[in-house]
Amino acid sequence: MRTLPLAIVAATLLLGACGSVEYKDTNADVDKRPECVKGSLHPGETVPPWCERSQSATWSSDSKAEPIDFGKKK
């Protein structure tokens, strides 16, 4: 489970020159809450939204880049 986010981060670092990456992880916030650490008291009960663990990465590129003119001589 831990290798998937690392693969995403590695892939986004390779494309880092073309844009920017934002990585979000809620594991530390969930671990801080004592009610989330204990787990459910009743079998089959759904997990509260504040105890759900999620990981995401978003990539965006800058569309305002100017094309390079290789025809110019110095």
Protein backbone atom coordinates (compact mmCIF):
# COMPACT_ATOMS: atom_id res chain seq x y z
CA MET A 1 0.00 0.00 0.00
CA ARG A 2 2.92 2.30 0.70
CA THR A 3 4.53 1.80 -2.74
CA LEU A 4 1.64 3.30 -4.73
CA PRO A 5 2.05 6.85 -3.36
CA LEU A 6 5.82 6.60 -3.81
CA ALA A 7 5.30 5.58 -7.43
CA ILE A 8 2.96 8.53 -7.95
CA VAL A 9 5.44 10.93 -6.38
CA ALA A 10 8.31 9.49 -8.45
CA ALA A 11 6.33 9.84 -11.67
CA THR A 12 5.35 13.39 -10.85
CA LEU A 13 8.94 14.34 -10.05
CA LEU A 14 9.95 13.22 -13.54
CA LEU A 15 7.31 15.51 -14.99
CA GLY A 16 8.10 18.28 -12.51
CA ALA A 17 9.75 20.49 -15.10
CA CYS A 18 6.44 20.69 -16.96
CA GLY A 19 4.21 21.66 -14.05
CA SER A 20 3.55 21.42 -10.34
CA VAL A 21 2.37 18.64 -8.02
CA GLU A 22 0.35 18.78 -4.82
CA TYR A 23 0.30 15.68 -2.61
CA LYS A 24 -2.26 15.25 0.19
CA ASP A 25 -2.27 12.54 2.85
CA THR A 26 -4.69 12.30 5.83
CA ASN A 27 -2.98 9.43 7.69
CA ALA A 28 -1.27 11.67 10.27
CA ASP A 29 -4.51 13.54 11.03
CA VAL A 30 -6.42 10.28 11.50
CA ASP A 31 -3.71 8.89 13.80
CA LYS A 32 -3.98 11.97 16.06
CA ARG A 33 -7.67 11.36 16.81
CA PRO A 34 -8.19 8.89 19.70
CA GLU A 35 -11.65 7.84 18.48
CA CYS A 36 -10.15 6.75 15.17
CA VAL A 37 -7.34 4.73 16.76
CA LYS A 38 -9.71 2.57 18.83
CA GLY A 39 -11.75 1.56 15.80
CA SER A 40 -15.43 0.69 15.63
CA LEU A 41 -17.19 -0.62 18.71
CA HIS A 42 -19.90 -2.33 16.65
CA PRO A 43 -19.12 -4.83 13.85
CA GLY A 44 -20.30 -3.65 10.43
CA GLU A 45 -20.48 -0.01 11.47
CA THR A 46 -19.23 2.43 8.84
CA VAL A 47 -16.15 4.54 9.46
CA PRO A 48 -16.88 8.22 10.26
CA PRO A 49 -15.75 10.67 7.55
CA TRP A 50 -13.10 12.22 9.82
CA CYS A 51 -11.51 8.77 10.33
CA GLU A 52 -11.21 7.88 6.63
CA ARG A 53 -7.68 7.68 5.29
CA SER A 54 -7.07 9.15 1.85
CA GLN A 55 -4.11 9.92 -0.36
CA SER A 56 -4.14 12.01 -3.50
CA ALA A 57 -1.82 13.80 -5.86
CA THR A 58 -2.82 16.48 -8.35
CA TRP A 59 -0.68 17.66 -11.22
CA SER A 60 -1.16 20.93 -13.08
CA SER A 61 0.77 22.50 -15.93
CA ASP A 62 1.31 26.13 -16.77
CA SER A 63 -0.42 26.87 -20.07
CA LYS A 64 1.13 30.37 -20.32
CA ALA A 65 4.51 29.08 -21.50
CA GLU A 66 5.96 30.74 -24.57
CA PRO A 67 7.20 28.58 -27.45
CA ILE A 68 10.96 28.51 -28.01
CA ASP A 69 12.16 29.98 -31.31
CA PHE A 70 15.16 27.93 -32.42
CA GLY A 71 15.48 29.91 -35.66
CA LYS A 72 16.99 33.03 -34.06
CA LYS A 73 20.71 33.62 -34.46
CA LYS A 74 22.75 35.41 -31.82
